[in-house]
């Protein structure tokens, strides 16, 4: 919540500064960057409310919790980023077709974009660090927005510097067009990542491999099967069946299952693990062996 709040506050300040810079310089690249930051305010609000909503405990209507709110917010942010890409590209194309547009007050514009670029890098690193600690896709998406803001702001700085110190009058519009393509690429990546969670894609290969290694190393069980995983926001949901000796008592089988649940939940935190116990059946074992 602190990281999401910091992101919202910074994006408000950054947007106001860039709008001032765009008004002073008449720069299309700086105008596009100001609008980009304005969408980041909406994206930051998405992240803020998504993190707040997804942290609500499970209830009767939502027995698996509210983690998908974060995935939905990440998808919404990617749509916003695609929209701003189209806007910047169209404005830059208009300037190129109409001829080089005069920019002014470049010294002030360079100071404004330089400071906001440095601020985006710092705040983006803080938000991404929080996303790594919590596993929040909304914070990760928002941190990527801020990182993109740093790169695009740096590009605008270069555009204004070229317009200020070289005779290349079209630099402002050309770099704005290049940056719009870069924004579109990043928006597509965020959209794909959020979509995978919305359709209940399994955990990453390295997580599944680590989970299988834990189960294979457990000598008290004969085997395991029906392993299923999915990600809901930052929460990992894992369930599987274990096969135990037929002569075990219910207490023994439950003890092993409960121990496995707690161990895996600690290893993959935050996680919810459900273990189903099957007594050994030679006929089932033979059938599963044939199927595998």
Protein backbone atom coordinates (compact mmCIF):
# COMPACT_ATOMS: atom_id res chain seq x y z
CA UNK A 1 0.00 0.00 0.00
CA UNK A 2 2.88 2.42 0.74
CA UNK A 3 4.46 1.65 -2.64
CA UNK A 4 1.14 2.19 -4.45
CA UNK A 5 0.60 5.48 -2.59
CA UNK A 6 4.11 6.68 -3.47
CA UNK A 7 3.49 5.87 -7.13
CA UNK A 8 0.23 7.85 -7.20
CA UNK A 9 1.80 10.90 -5.53
CA UNK A 10 4.85 10.95 -7.77
CA UNK A 11 2.84 10.57 -10.97
CA UNK A 12 0.66 13.58 -10.05
CA UNK A 13 3.74 15.78 -9.51
CA UNK A 14 5.46 14.45 -12.65
CA UNK A 15 2.41 15.03 -14.84
CA UNK A 16 1.96 18.62 -13.69
CA UNK A 17 5.65 19.34 -14.31
CA UNK A 18 5.58 17.86 -17.81
CA UNK A 19 2.38 19.70 -18.74
CA UNK A 20 4.10 22.91 -17.70
CA UNK A 21 7.13 21.95 -19.79
CA UNK A 22 4.96 21.14 -22.83
CA UNK A 23 3.22 24.52 -22.56
CA UNK A 24 6.57 26.33 -22.31
CA UNK A 25 8.31 24.49 -25.16
CA UNK A 26 5.48 23.55 -27.60
CA UNK A 27 7.23 20.15 -27.87
CA UNK A 28 5.16 17.21 -29.17
CA UNK A 29 7.46 14.67 -27.51
CA UNK A 30 7.13 16.46 -24.16
CA UNK A 31 3.37 16.78 -24.65
CA UNK A 32 3.15 13.05 -25.36
CA UNK A 33 5.24 12.34 -22.28
CA UNK A 34 2.92 14.52 -20.19
CA UNK A 35 -0.12 12.59 -21.43
CA UNK A 36 1.76 9.35 -20.80
CA UNK A 37 2.32 10.42 -17.19
CA UNK A 38 -1.34 11.38 -16.91
CA UNK A 39 -2.32 7.83 -17.83
CA UNK A 40 0.20 6.65 -15.24
CA UNK A 41 -1.88 8.46 -12.61
CA UNK A 42 -4.88 6.36 -13.62
CA UNK A 43 -2.65 3.26 -13.72
CA UNK A 44 -1.32 4.05 -10.24
CA UNK A 45 -4.87 4.43 -8.96
CA UNK A 46 -5.68 1.06 -10.56
CA UNK A 47 -2.75 -0.48 -8.68
CA UNK A 48 -3.68 1.25 -5.40
CA UNK A 49 -7.29 0.07 -5.40
CA UNK A 50 -6.41 -3.37 -6.85
CA UNK A 51 -3.89 -4.06 -4.08
CA UNK A 52 -6.44 -2.88 -1.52
CA UNK A 53 -9.25 -5.01 -2.99
CA UNK A 54 -7.13 -8.12 -3.52
CA UNK A 55 -5.94 -8.07 0.10
CA UNK A 56 -9.53 -8.57 1.32
CA UNK A 57 -10.01 -12.03 2.86
CA UNK A 58 -11.95 -14.78 1.12
CA UNK A 59 -15.69 -14.74 1.66
CA UNK A 60 -18.76 -16.77 0.71
CA UNK A 61 -19.00 -15.17 -2.73
CA UNK A 62 -15.24 -15.36 -3.37
CA UNK A 63 -13.93 -18.52 -1.66
CA UNK A 64 -10.55 -18.24 -3.45
CA UNK A 65 -10.04 -14.61 -2.41
CA UNK A 66 -9.88 -11.47 -4.56
CA UNK A 67 -6.43 -11.83 -6.14
CA UNK A 68 -7.76 -11.59 -9.69
CA UNK A 69 -8.43 -7.90 -9.05
CA UNK A 70 -4.69 -7.30 -9.43
CA UNK A 71 -4.55 -9.18 -12.73
CA UNK A 72 -7.53 -7.22 -14.00
CA UNK A 73 -5.83 -3.95 -13.02
CA UNK A 74 -2.67 -4.98 -14.87
CA UNK A 75 -4.73 -5.70 -17.98
CA UNK A 76 -6.48 -2.33 -17.70
CA UNK A 77 -3.14 -0.53 -17.41
CA UNK A 78 -1.88 -2.19 -20.58
CA UNK A 79 -4.96 -0.98 -22.48
CA UNK A 80 -4.26 2.57 -21.26
CA UNK A 81 -0.65 2.29 -22.41
CA UNK A 82 -1.75 1.15 -25.87
CA UNK A 83 -4.11 4.10 -26.09
CA UNK A 84 -1.39 6.61 -25.26
CA UNK A 85 0.90 4.96 -27.82
CA UNK A 86 -1.67 5.60 -30.55
CA UNK A 87 -2.11 9.21 -29.41
CA UNK A 88 1.62 10.00 -29.39
CA UNK A 89 2.14 8.33 -32.77
CA UNK A 90 -0.71 10.28 -34.37
CA UNK A 91 0.51 13.63 -32.98
CA UNK A 92 4.09 13.00 -34.10
CA UNK A 93 2.94 11.97 -37.58
CA UNK A 94 0.87 15.14 -37.93
CA UNK A 95 3.91 17.26 -37.05
CA UNK A 96 6.11 15.42 -39.57
CA UNK A 97 3.54 15.70 -42.37
CA UNK A 98 2.91 19.37 -41.67
CA UNK A 99 6.62 20.14 -41.46
CA UNK A 100 8.96 20.81 -38.55
CA UNK A 101 7.19 22.50 -35.66
CA UNK A 102 9.03 25.25 -33.84
CA UNK A 103 9.96 24.48 -30.25
CA UNK A 104 10.97 27.16 -27.75
CA UNK A 105 12.26 27.65 -24.20
CA UNK A 106 14.31 24.50 -24.54
CA UNK A 107 16.57 25.28 -21.59
CA UNK A 108 13.63 25.17 -19.17
CA UNK A 109 12.21 22.11 -20.90
CA UNK A 110 15.50 20.22 -20.52
CA UNK A 111 15.58 20.93 -16.78
CA UNK A 112 11.99 19.77 -16.29
CA UNK A 113 12.33 16.54 -18.26
CA UNK A 114 15.73 15.77 -16.71
CA UNK A 115 14.39 15.99 -13.15
CA UNK A 116 11.24 13.99 -13.88
CA UNK A 117 13.28 11.32 -15.66
CA UNK A 118 15.51 10.86 -12.61
CA UNK A 119 12.46 10.78 -10.33
CA UNK A 120 10.79 8.09 -12.44
CA UNK A 121 13.87 5.88 -12.21
CA UNK A 122 14.04 6.20 -8.42
CA UNK A 123 10.33 5.67 -7.71
CA UNK A 124 10.13 2.85 -10.31
CA UNK A 125 12.90 0.95 -8.55
CA UNK A 126 11.15 1.31 -5.19
CA UNK A 127 7.81 0.06 -6.57
CA UNK A 128 9.42 -2.88 -8.40
CA UNK A 129 11.25 -3.86 -5.21
CA UNK A 130 7.91 -3.86 -3.37
CA UNK A 131 6.38 -5.94 -6.17
CA UNK A 132 9.20 -8.49 -5.88
CA UNK A 133 8.72 -8.76 -2.11
CA UNK A 134 4.93 -9.18 -2.31
CA UNK A 135 4.53 -10.90 -5.70
CA UNK A 136 1.90 -8.30 -6.64
CA UNK A 137 1.23 -8.17 -10.43
CA UNK A 138 -0.47 -4.78 -10.06
CA UNK A 139 2.61 -3.27 -8.41
CA UNK A 140 4.86 -4.98 -10.96
CA UNK A 141 2.82 -3.54 -13.82
CA UNK A 142 2.90 -0.11 -12.18
CA UNK A 143 6.66 -0.36 -11.60
CA UNK A 144 7.13 -1.20 -15.27
CA UNK A 145 5.06 1.88 -16.15
CA UNK A 146 7.42 4.03 -14.10
CA UNK A 147 10.46 2.37 -15.68
CA UNK A 148 8.96 3.04 -19.09
CA UNK A 149 8.41 6.63 -17.97
CA UNK A 150 12.13 6.94 -17.18
CA UNK A 151 13.15 5.62 -20.60
CA UNK A 152 10.63 7.75 -22.52
CA UNK A 153 11.55 10.83 -20.50
CA UNK A 154 15.20 10.22 -21.30
CA UNK A 155 14.25 9.96 -24.98
CA UNK A 156 12.40 13.27 -24.78
CA UNK A 157 15.48 14.81 -23.15
CA UNK A 158 17.56 13.67 -26.13
CA UNK A 159 14.95 15.05 -28.55
CA UNK A 160 14.98 18.48 -26.89
CA UNK A 161 18.78 18.48 -26.70
CA UNK A 162 19.03 17.75 -30.43
CA UNK A 163 16.51 20.45 -31.22
CA UNK A 164 18.44 22.87 -29.00
CA UNK A 165 22.00 22.20 -30.13
CA UNK A 166 21.66 20.83 -33.69
CA UNK A 167 19.88 21.96 -36.88
CA UNK A 168 17.69 18.80 -36.88
CA UNK A 169 14.31 20.46 -36.42
CA UNK A 170 12.35 17.21 -36.87
CA UNK A 171 14.09 15.50 -33.94
CA UNK A 172 11.21 16.22 -31.57
CA UNK A 173 8.56 14.51 -33.72
CA UNK A 174 10.82 11.64 -34.87
CA UNK A 175 11.80 10.62 -31.35
CA UNK A 176 8.18 10.93 -30.21
CA UNK A 177 7.26 8.44 -32.96
CA UNK A 178 10.03 6.02 -31.91
CA UNK A 179 8.97 6.21 -28.28
CA UNK A 180 5.36 5.42 -29.17
CA UNK A 181 6.51 2.14 -30.72
CA UNK A 182 8.49 1.29 -27.60
CA UNK A 183 5.44 2.00 -25.44
CA UNK A 184 3.30 -0.27 -27.61
CA UNK A 185 5.78 -3.13 -27.21
CA UNK A 186 5.76 -2.82 -23.41
CA UNK A 187 1.98 -2.53 -23.30
CA UNK A 188 1.70 -5.80 -25.23
CA UNK A 189 4.03 -7.56 -22.77
CA UNK A 190 2.02 -6.37 -19.75
CA UNK A 191 -1.24 -7.39 -21.45
CA UNK A 192 0.02 -10.92 -22.17
CA UNK A 193 1.26 -11.35 -18.60
CA UNK A 194 -2.06 -10.20 -17.09
CA UNK A 195 -4.08 -12.34 -19.54
CA UNK A 196 -2.24 -15.49 -18.48
CA UNK A 197 -3.34 -14.98 -14.90
CA UNK A 198 -6.92 -14.16 -15.85
CA UNK A 199 -7.25 -17.51 -17.68
CA UNK A 200 -5.72 -19.48 -14.75
CA UNK A 201 -2.41 -20.42 -16.35
CA UNK A 202 -0.23 -22.67 -14.19
CA UNK A 203 2.76 -21.39 -12.23
CA UNK A 204 6.07 -20.72 -13.97
CA UNK A 205 8.17 -23.71 -15.04
CA UNK A 206 10.80 -23.07 -12.35
CA UNK A 207 8.12 -23.01 -9.63
CA UNK A 208 6.54 -26.24 -10.85
CA UNK A 209 9.98 -27.91 -11.04
CA UNK A 210 10.74 -26.78 -7.47
CA UNK A 211 7.38 -28.14 -6.30
CA UNK A 212 7.96 -31.49 -8.00
CA UNK A 213 11.41 -31.72 -6.41
CA UNK A 214 9.88 -31.27 -2.94
CA UNK A 215 7.30 -33.99 -3.56
CA UNK A 216 9.79 -36.41 -5.13
CA UNK A 217 12.10 -36.01 -2.14
CA UNK A 218 9.33 -36.90 0.34
CA UNK A 219 10.12 -40.54 1.22
CA UNK A 220 7.00 -41.14 3.32
CA UNK A 221 4.67 -41.04 0.30
CA UNK A 222 4.62 -43.66 -2.45
CA UNK A 223 3.80 -41.23 -5.28
CA UNK A 224 1.80 -38.14 -6.20
CA UNK A 225 -0.49 -37.18 -9.09
CA UNK A 226 -3.11 -34.65 -10.29
CA UNK A 227 -0.80 -31.74 -9.53
CA UNK A 228 -2.57 -28.45 -10.31
CA UNK A 229 -1.34 -24.90 -9.82
CA UNK A 230 -2.59 -21.41 -10.62
CA UNK A 231 -1.86 -17.81 -9.71
CA UNK A 232 -4.50 -15.40 -8.41
CA UNK A 233 -2.89 -12.00 -7.92
CA UNK A 234 0.08 -12.71 -5.68
CA UNK A 235 -1.52 -15.84 -4.17
CA UNK A 236 -0.39 -19.25 -5.45
CA UNK A 237 -3.03 -22.00 -5.36
CA UNK A 238 -1.66 -25.56 -5.37
CA UNK A 239 -3.44 -28.89 -5.00
CA UNK A 240 -2.42 -32.50 -5.63
CA UNK A 241 -3.01 -36.11 -4.56
CA UNK A 242 -0.52 -38.20 -2.59
CA UNK A 243 -0.53 -42.01 -2.40
CA UNK A 244 0.24 -43.55 1.01
CA UNK A 245 0.45 -47.20 2.22
CA UNK A 246 -2.93 -48.86 2.71
CA UNK A 247 -2.12 -49.90 6.26
CA UNK A 248 -1.66 -46.34 7.46
CA UNK A 249 -4.21 -44.95 9.88
CA UNK A 250 -6.19 -41.82 9.06
CA UNK A 251 -4.16 -39.95 11.68
CA UNK A 252 -0.84 -40.93 10.04
CA UNK A 253 -2.02 -39.99 6.53
CA UNK A 254 -3.49 -36.68 7.69
CA UNK A 255 -0.29 -35.85 9.57
CA UNK A 256 1.86 -36.24 6.45
CA UNK A 257 -0.60 -34.30 4.29
CA UNK A 258 -0.83 -31.49 6.82
CA UNK A 259 2.96 -31.30 7.10
CA UNK A 260 3.32 -31.11 3.31
CA UNK A 261 0.72 -28.35 3.08
CA UNK A 262 2.48 -26.21 5.67
CA UNK A 263 5.93 -26.79 4.16
CA UNK A 264 4.86 -25.91 0.62
CA UNK A 265 2.86 -22.88 1.78
CA UNK A 266 5.97 -21.59 3.54
CA UNK A 267 8.18 -22.33 0.51
CA UNK A 268 5.87 -20.60 -2.00
CA UNK A 269 4.36 -17.91 0.26
CA UNK A 270 1.87 -16.47 -0.23
CA UNK A 271 0.22 -19.78 -1.11
CA UNK A 272 -2.80 -21.96 -0.38
CA UNK A 273 -2.17 -25.72 -0.62
CA UNK A 274 -4.69 -28.56 -0.54
CA UNK A 275 -3.51 -32.19 -0.38
CA UNK A 276 -5.82 -35.13 -1.08
CA UNK A 277 -4.80 -38.53 0.32
CA UNK A 278 -5.23 -41.77 -1.67
CA UNK A 279 -4.53 -45.23 -0.18
CA UNK A 280 -2.30 -47.39 -2.34
CA UNK A 281 -4.28 -49.41 -4.90
CA UNK A 282 -2.21 -51.70 -7.18
CA UNK A 283 -4.87 -51.56 -9.93
CA UNK A 284 -4.89 -47.76 -9.97
CA UNK A 285 -1.11 -47.63 -9.80
CA UNK A 286 -0.85 -49.92 -12.83
CA UNK A 287 -3.39 -47.85 -14.77
CA UNK A 288 -1.59 -44.59 -14.01
CA UNK A 289 1.71 -46.15 -15.05
CA UNK A 290 0.20 -47.17 -18.42
CA UNK A 291 -1.25 -43.68 -18.93
CA UNK A 292 2.05 -41.98 -18.17
